[in-house]
């Protein structure tokens, strides 16, 4: 069972990394941020990143790996 968890974690981490790289490559080639097609393509890439991040987190959680949030905005710092 643990082997399947690890394979899923690796796979989802790789998919997330690729989604981030796709966004980076997109911005490497963008020349006009005001172009509506740029906005649409970025929205699509951002959604893919969001889904990939969620899948990665789901895989980690299913394997029992959880890390407290590093976002202290709720803590009333």
Protein backbone atom coordinates (compact mmCIF):
# COMPACT_ATOMS: atom_id res chain seq x y z
CA UNK A 1 0.00 0.00 0.00
CA UNK A 2 2.76 2.45 0.89
CA UNK A 3 4.39 1.85 -2.49
CA UNK A 4 1.19 2.92 -4.24
CA UNK A 5 1.00 6.02 -2.04
CA UNK A 6 4.58 6.93 -2.89
CA UNK A 7 3.99 6.38 -6.60
CA UNK A 8 0.92 8.62 -6.47
CA UNK A 9 2.82 11.31 -4.54
CA UNK A 10 5.64 11.23 -7.08
CA UNK A 11 3.24 11.34 -10.01
CA UNK A 12 1.18 14.22 -8.66
CA UNK A 13 4.31 16.16 -7.66
CA UNK A 14 5.66 15.72 -11.17
CA UNK A 15 2.36 16.85 -12.70
CA UNK A 16 2.32 19.94 -10.46
CA UNK A 17 5.92 20.80 -11.35
CA UNK A 18 5.11 20.47 -15.04
CA UNK A 19 2.06 22.72 -14.68
CA UNK A 20 4.26 25.39 -13.07
CA UNK A 21 6.88 24.99 -15.81
CA UNK A 22 4.18 25.36 -18.47
CA UNK A 23 3.17 28.68 -16.93
CA UNK A 24 6.80 29.79 -16.80
CA UNK A 25 7.30 28.87 -20.48
CA UNK A 26 4.12 30.78 -21.34
CA UNK A 27 5.46 33.96 -19.75
CA UNK A 28 8.80 33.47 -21.49
CA UNK A 29 7.04 33.88 -24.82
CA UNK A 30 4.38 36.49 -23.93
CA UNK A 31 4.98 39.93 -25.38
CA UNK A 32 1.68 41.75 -24.78
CA UNK A 33 -0.03 41.32 -21.41
CA UNK A 34 -2.98 43.40 -22.59
CA UNK A 35 -3.82 40.89 -25.35
CA UNK A 36 -7.11 39.18 -24.36
CA UNK A 37 -5.85 35.81 -25.63
CA UNK A 38 -2.96 36.08 -23.16
CA UNK A 39 -5.44 36.54 -20.32
CA UNK A 40 -7.47 33.52 -21.44
CA UNK A 41 -4.42 31.28 -21.82
CA UNK A 42 -3.06 32.35 -18.44
CA UNK A 43 -6.43 31.60 -16.80
CA UNK A 44 -6.30 28.11 -18.28
CA UNK A 45 -2.74 27.54 -17.08
CA UNK A 46 -3.54 28.89 -13.61
CA UNK A 47 -6.49 26.50 -13.35
CA UNK A 48 -4.25 23.59 -14.37
CA UNK A 49 -1.76 24.59 -11.65
CA UNK A 50 -4.56 24.79 -9.10
CA UNK A 51 -5.90 21.33 -10.03
CA UNK A 52 -2.40 19.83 -9.98
CA UNK A 53 -1.68 21.37 -6.57
CA UNK A 54 -4.96 19.99 -5.23
CA UNK A 55 -4.22 16.52 -6.60
CA UNK A 56 -0.75 16.63 -5.02
CA UNK A 57 -2.17 17.68 -1.66
CA UNK A 58 -4.82 14.94 -1.86
CA UNK A 59 -2.11 12.33 -2.51
CA UNK A 60 -0.05 13.55 0.42
CA UNK A 61 -3.06 13.65 2.73
CA UNK A 62 -4.15 10.15 1.68
CA UNK A 63 -0.67 8.91 2.60
CA UNK A 64 -0.90 10.56 6.01
CA UNK A 65 1.58 13.33 5.26
CA UNK A 66 0.34 16.66 6.54
CA UNK A 67 2.21 19.84 7.32
CA UNK A 68 0.72 22.74 9.27
CA UNK A 69 0.08 25.76 7.13
CA UNK A 70 2.88 28.27 6.94
CA UNK A 71 0.32 30.98 6.27
CA UNK A 72 -0.04 32.89 9.52
CA UNK A 73 -2.72 35.26 8.27
CA UNK A 74 -5.35 33.45 10.33
CA UNK A 75 -3.19 33.40 13.46
CA UNK A 76 -3.62 37.11 14.13
CA UNK A 77 0.10 37.80 14.10
